Amino acid sequence: MNVSKLFAEMTQYISEAVVRIFGPSDDAYPSTGVQPFSGEPFHKPRGADW
């Protein structure tokens, strides 16, 4: 009886992992698209040649 219960629990554990990996994504990220750059470009300081 314990062997069959262990086998059933192990099968359920593995099948839940497979469904989680290969199932549809449940991320709730907003669709933002391309973000405009609003910062300052990087300029290498003078004298920093080392």
PDB file of N, CA and C in Angstrom:
ATOM      1  N   MET A   1       0.824  -1.187   0.000  1.00  0.00           N
ATOM      2  CA  MET A   1       0.000   0.000   0.000  1.00  0.00           C
ATOM      3  C   MET A   1       0.872   1.257   0.000  1.00  0.00           C
ATOM      4  N   ASN A   2       1.925   1.262   0.782  1.00  0.00           N
ATOM      5  CA  ASN A   2       2.800   2.432   0.851  1.00  0.00           C
ATOM      6  C   ASN A   2       3.537   2.657  -0.459  1.00  0.00           C
ATOM      7  N   VAL A   3       3.892   1.588  -1.145  1.00  0.00           N
ATOM      8  CA  VAL A   3       4.617   1.708  -2.400  1.00  0.00           C
ATOM      9  C   VAL A   3       3.731   2.365  -3.453  1.00  0.00           C
ATOM     10  N   SER A   4       2.480   1.961  -3.531  1.00  0.00           N
ATOM     11  CA  SER A   4       1.568   2.549  -4.519  1.00  0.00           C
ATOM     12  C   SER A   4       1.268   4.010  -4.192  1.00  0.00           C
ATOM     13  N   LYS A   5       1.145   4.325  -2.897  1.00  0.00           N
ATOM     14  CA  LYS A   5       0.917   5.720  -2.498  1.00  0.00           C
ATOM     15  C   LYS A   5       2.144   6.580  -2.820  1.00  0.00           C
ATOM     16  N   LEU A   6       3.321   6.057  -2.565  1.00  0.00           N
ATOM     17  CA  LEU A   6       4.553   6.779  -2.874  1.00  0.00           C
ATOM     18  C   LEU A   6       4.690   7.009  -4.372  1.00  0.00           C
ATOM     19  N   PHE A   7       4.375   5.984  -5.153  1.00  0.00           N
ATOM     20  CA  PHE A   7       4.437   6.100  -6.603  1.00  0.00           C
ATOM     21  C   PHE A   7       3.432   7.139  -7.112  1.00  0.00           C
ATOM     22  N   ALA A   8       2.228   7.171  -6.561  1.00  0.00           N
ATOM     23  CA  ALA A   8       1.205   8.139  -6.968  1.00  0.00           C
ATOM     24  C   ALA A   8       1.623   9.563  -6.620  1.00  0.00           C
ATOM     25  N   GLU A   9       2.192   9.757  -5.436  1.00  0.00           N
ATOM     26  CA  GLU A   9       2.643  11.091  -5.032  1.00  0.00           C
ATOM     27  C   GLU A   9       3.810  11.559  -5.885  1.00  0.00           C
ATOM     28  N   MET A  10       4.726  10.653  -6.207  1.00  0.00           N
ATOM     29  CA  MET A  10       5.878  11.002  -7.030  1.00  0.00           C
ATOM     30  C   MET A  10       5.429  11.357  -8.451  1.00  0.00           C
ATOM     31  N   THR A  11       4.485  10.593  -8.978  1.00  0.00           N
ATOM     32  CA  THR A  11       3.958  10.880 -10.311  1.00  0.00           C
ATOM     33  C   THR A  11       3.247  12.227 -10.343  1.00  0.00           C
ATOM     34  N   GLN A  12       2.487  12.536  -9.319  1.00  0.00           N
ATOM     35  CA  GLN A  12       1.800  13.823  -9.247  1.00  0.00           C
ATOM     36  C   GLN A  12       2.804  14.966  -9.148  1.00  0.00           C
ATOM     37  N   TYR A  13       3.844  14.802  -8.364  1.00  0.00           N
ATOM     38  CA  TYR A  13       4.871  15.831  -8.196  1.00  0.00           C
ATOM     39  C   TYR A  13       5.554  16.133  -9.526  1.00  0.00           C
ATOM     40  N   ILE A  14       5.918  15.089 -10.247  1.00  0.00           N
ATOM     41  CA  ILE A  14       6.609  15.263 -11.527  1.00  0.00           C
ATOM     42  C   ILE A  14       5.669  15.863 -12.571  1.00  0.00           C
ATOM     43  N   SER A  15       4.431  15.395 -12.614  1.00  0.00           N
ATOM     44  CA  SER A  15       3.492  15.920 -13.613  1.00  0.00           C
ATOM     45  C   SER A  15       3.156  17.382 -13.349  1.00  0.00           C
ATOM     46  N   GLU A  16       3.064  17.797 -12.091  1.00  0.00           N
ATOM     47  CA  GLU A  16       2.830  19.211 -11.783  1.00  0.00           C
ATOM     48  C   GLU A  16       4.006  20.068 -12.237  1.00  0.00           C
ATOM     49  N   ALA A  17       5.226  19.560 -12.084  1.00  0.00           N
ATOM     50  CA  ALA A  17       6.400  20.295 -12.547  1.00  0.00           C
ATOM     51  C   ALA A  17       6.406  20.413 -14.064  1.00  0.00           C
ATOM     52  N   VAL A  18       6.048  19.363 -14.766  1.00  0.00           N
ATOM     53  CA  VAL A  18       6.010  19.399 -16.232  1.00  0.00           C
ATOM     54  C   VAL A  18       4.958  20.393 -16.713  1.00  0.00           C
ATOM     55  N   VAL A  19       3.792  20.393 -16.078  1.00  0.00           N
ATOM     56  CA  VAL A  19       2.749  21.341 -16.458  1.00  0.00           C
ATOM     57  C   VAL A  19       3.204  22.767 -16.191  1.00  0.00           C
ATOM     58  N   ARG A  20       3.890  22.995 -15.102  1.00  0.00           N
ATOM     59  CA  ARG A  20       4.379  24.344 -14.761  1.00  0.00           C
ATOM     60  C   ARG A  20       5.426  24.817 -15.766  1.00  0.00           C
ATOM     61  N   ILE A  21       6.311  23.912 -16.197  1.00  0.00           N
ATOM     62  CA  ILE A  21       7.370  24.286 -17.130  1.00  0.00           C
ATOM     63  C   ILE A  21       6.813  24.531 -18.528  1.00  0.00           C
ATOM     64  N   PHE A  22       5.971  23.634 -19.008  1.00  0.00           N
ATOM     65  CA  PHE A  22       5.519  23.693 -20.393  1.00  0.00           C
ATOM     66  C   PHE A  22       4.140  24.328 -20.559  1.00  0.00           C
ATOM     67  N   GLY A  23       3.534  24.789 -19.495  1.00  0.00           N
ATOM     68  CA  GLY A  23       2.227  25.422 -19.571  1.00  0.00           C
ATOM     69  C   GLY A  23       2.340  26.866 -20.018  1.00  0.00           C
ATOM     70  N   PRO A  24       1.207  27.528 -20.235  1.00  0.00           N
ATOM     71  CA  PRO A  24       1.239  28.930 -20.651  1.00  0.00           C
ATOM     72  C   PRO A  24       1.804  29.815 -19.541  1.00  0.00           C
ATOM     73  N   SER A  25       2.385  30.915 -19.945  1.00  0.00           N
ATOM     74  CA  SER A  25       3.010  31.834 -18.999  1.00  0.00           C
ATOM     75  C   SER A  25       1.942  32.532 -18.162  1.00  0.00           C
ATOM     76  N   ASP A  26       2.209  32.694 -16.881  1.00  0.00           N
ATOM     77  CA  ASP A  26       1.268  33.393 -16.011  1.00  0.00           C
ATOM     78  C   ASP A  26       1.857  34.707 -15.505  1.00  0.00           C
ATOM     79  N   ASP A  27       2.807  35.247 -16.252  1.00  0.00           N
ATOM     80  CA  ASP A  27       3.396  36.527 -15.886  1.00  0.00           C
ATOM     81  C   ASP A  27       2.386  37.637 -16.152  1.00  0.00           C
ATOM     82  N   ALA A  28       2.363  38.612 -15.303  1.00  0.00           N
ATOM     83  CA  ALA A  28       1.425  39.723 -15.442  1.00  0.00           C
ATOM     84  C   ALA A  28       2.179  41.008 -15.763  1.00  0.00           C
ATOM     85  N   TYR A  29       3.173  40.923 -16.625  1.00  0.00           N
ATOM     86  CA  TYR A  29       3.928  42.111 -16.987  1.00  0.00           C
ATOM     87  C   TYR A  29       3.134  42.958 -17.969  1.00  0.00           C
ATOM     88  N   PRO A  30       3.147  44.281 -17.832  1.00  0.00           N
ATOM     89  CA  PRO A  30       2.448  45.107 -18.813  1.00  0.00           C
ATOM     90  C   PRO A  30       3.220  45.137 -20.133  1.00  0.00           C
ATOM     91  N   SER A  31       2.490  45.241 -21.230  1.00  0.00           N
ATOM     92  CA  SER A  31       3.153  45.330 -22.531  1.00  0.00           C
ATOM     93  C   SER A  31       3.580  46.779 -22.729  1.00  0.00           C
ATOM     94  N   THR A  32       4.859  47.043 -22.558  1.00  0.00           N
ATOM     95  CA  THR A  32       5.343  48.420 -22.559  1.00  0.00           C
ATOM     96  C   THR A  32       5.898  48.858 -23.900  1.00  0.00           C
ATOM     97  N   GLY A  33       6.477  47.968 -24.657  1.00  0.00           N
ATOM     98  CA  GLY A  33       7.067  48.354 -25.930  1.00  0.00           C
ATOM     99  C   GLY A  33       8.433  48.977 -25.727  1.00  0.00           C
ATOM    100  N   VAL A  34       8.862  49.782 -26.677  1.00  0.00           N
ATOM    101  CA  VAL A  34      10.178  50.413 -26.631  1.00  0.00           C
ATOM    102  C   VAL A  34      10.122  51.623 -25.712  1.00  0.00           C
ATOM    103  N   GLN A  35      11.114  51.723 -24.832  1.00  0.00           N
ATOM    104  CA  GLN A  35      11.174  52.843 -23.907  1.00  0.00           C
ATOM    105  C   GLN A  35      12.092  53.926 -24.459  1.00  0.00           C
ATOM    106  N   PRO A  36      11.672  55.175 -24.441  1.00  0.00           N
ATOM    107  CA  PRO A  36      12.539  56.252 -24.927  1.00  0.00           C
ATOM    108  C   PRO A  36      13.698  56.495 -23.958  1.00  0.00           C
ATOM    109  N   PHE A  37      14.825  56.897 -24.494  1.00  0.00           N
ATOM    110  CA  PHE A  37      15.990  57.199 -23.667  1.00  0.00           C
ATOM    111  C   PHE A  37      15.881  58.629 -23.185  1.00  0.00           C
ATOM    112  N   SER A  38      15.919  58.816 -21.876  1.00  0.00           N
ATOM    113  CA  SER A  38      15.780  60.169 -21.331  1.00  0.00           C
ATOM    114  C   SER A  38      16.959  60.540 -20.436  1.00  0.00           C
ATOM    115  N   GLY A  39      18.089  59.864 -20.584  1.00  0.00           N
ATOM    116  CA  GLY A  39      19.245  60.138 -19.738  1.00  0.00           C
ATOM    117  C   GLY A  39      20.343  60.828 -20.511  1.00  0.00           C
ATOM    118  N   GLU A  40      21.468  60.920 -19.909  1.00  0.00           N
ATOM    119  CA  GLU A  40      22.638  61.536 -20.523  1.00  0.00           C
ATOM    120  C   GLU A  40      23.550  60.445 -21.062  1.00  0.00           C
ATOM    121  N   PRO A  41      24.084  60.600 -22.278  1.00  0.00           N
ATOM    122  CA  PRO A  41      25.025  59.602 -22.797  1.00  0.00           C
ATOM    123  C   PRO A  41      26.332  59.631 -22.015  1.00  0.00           C
ATOM    124  N   PHE A  42      27.003  58.501 -21.949  1.00  0.00           N
ATOM    125  CA  PHE A  42      28.248  58.385 -21.203  1.00  0.00           C
ATOM    126  C   PHE A  42      29.392  58.981 -22.004  1.00  0.00           C
ATOM    127  N   HIS A  43      30.174  59.826 -21.359  1.00  0.00           N
ATOM    128  CA  HIS A  43      31.395  60.380 -21.954  1.00  0.00           C
ATOM    129  C   HIS A  43      32.551  60.011 -21.040  1.00  0.00           C
ATOM    130  N   LYS A  44      33.605  59.449 -21.609  1.00  0.00           N
ATOM    131  CA  LYS A  44      34.777  59.079 -20.840  1.00  0.00           C
ATOM    132  C   LYS A  44      35.477  60.343 -20.352  1.00  0.00           C
ATOM    133  N   PRO A  45      35.760  60.440 -19.050  1.00  0.00           N
ATOM    134  CA  PRO A  45      36.428  61.628 -18.533  1.00  0.00           C
ATOM    135  C   PRO A  45      37.845  61.767 -19.082  1.00  0.00           C
ATOM    136  N   ARG A  46      38.266  62.993 -19.267  1.00  0.00           N
ATOM    137  CA  ARG A  46      39.624  63.245 -19.744  1.00  0.00           C
ATOM    138  C   ARG A  46      40.637  62.871 -18.680  1.00  0.00           C
ATOM    139  N   GLY A  47      41.764  62.320 -19.121  1.00  0.00           N
ATOM    140  CA  GLY A  47      42.815  61.955 -18.194  1.00  0.00           C
ATOM    141  C   GLY A  47      42.632  60.583 -17.575  1.00  0.00           C
ATOM    142  N   ALA A  48      41.661  59.861 -17.988  1.00  0.00           N
ATOM    143  CA  ALA A  48      41.426  58.528 -17.440  1.00  0.00           C
ATOM    144  C   ALA A  48      41.854  57.482 -18.464  1.00  0.00           C
ATOM    145  N   ASP A  49      43.116  57.531 -18.873  1.00  0.00           N
ATOM    146  CA  ASP A  49      43.623  56.623 -19.898  1.00  0.00           C
ATOM    147  C   ASP A  49      44.232  55.371 -19.307  1.00  0.00           C
ATOM    148  N   TRP A  50      44.196  55.143 -18.069  1.00  0.00           N
ATOM    149  CA  TRP A  50      44.836  53.991 -17.452  1.00  0.00           C
ATOM    150  C   TRP A  50      43.922  52.893 -17.487  1.00  0.00           C
TER     151      TRP A  50
END
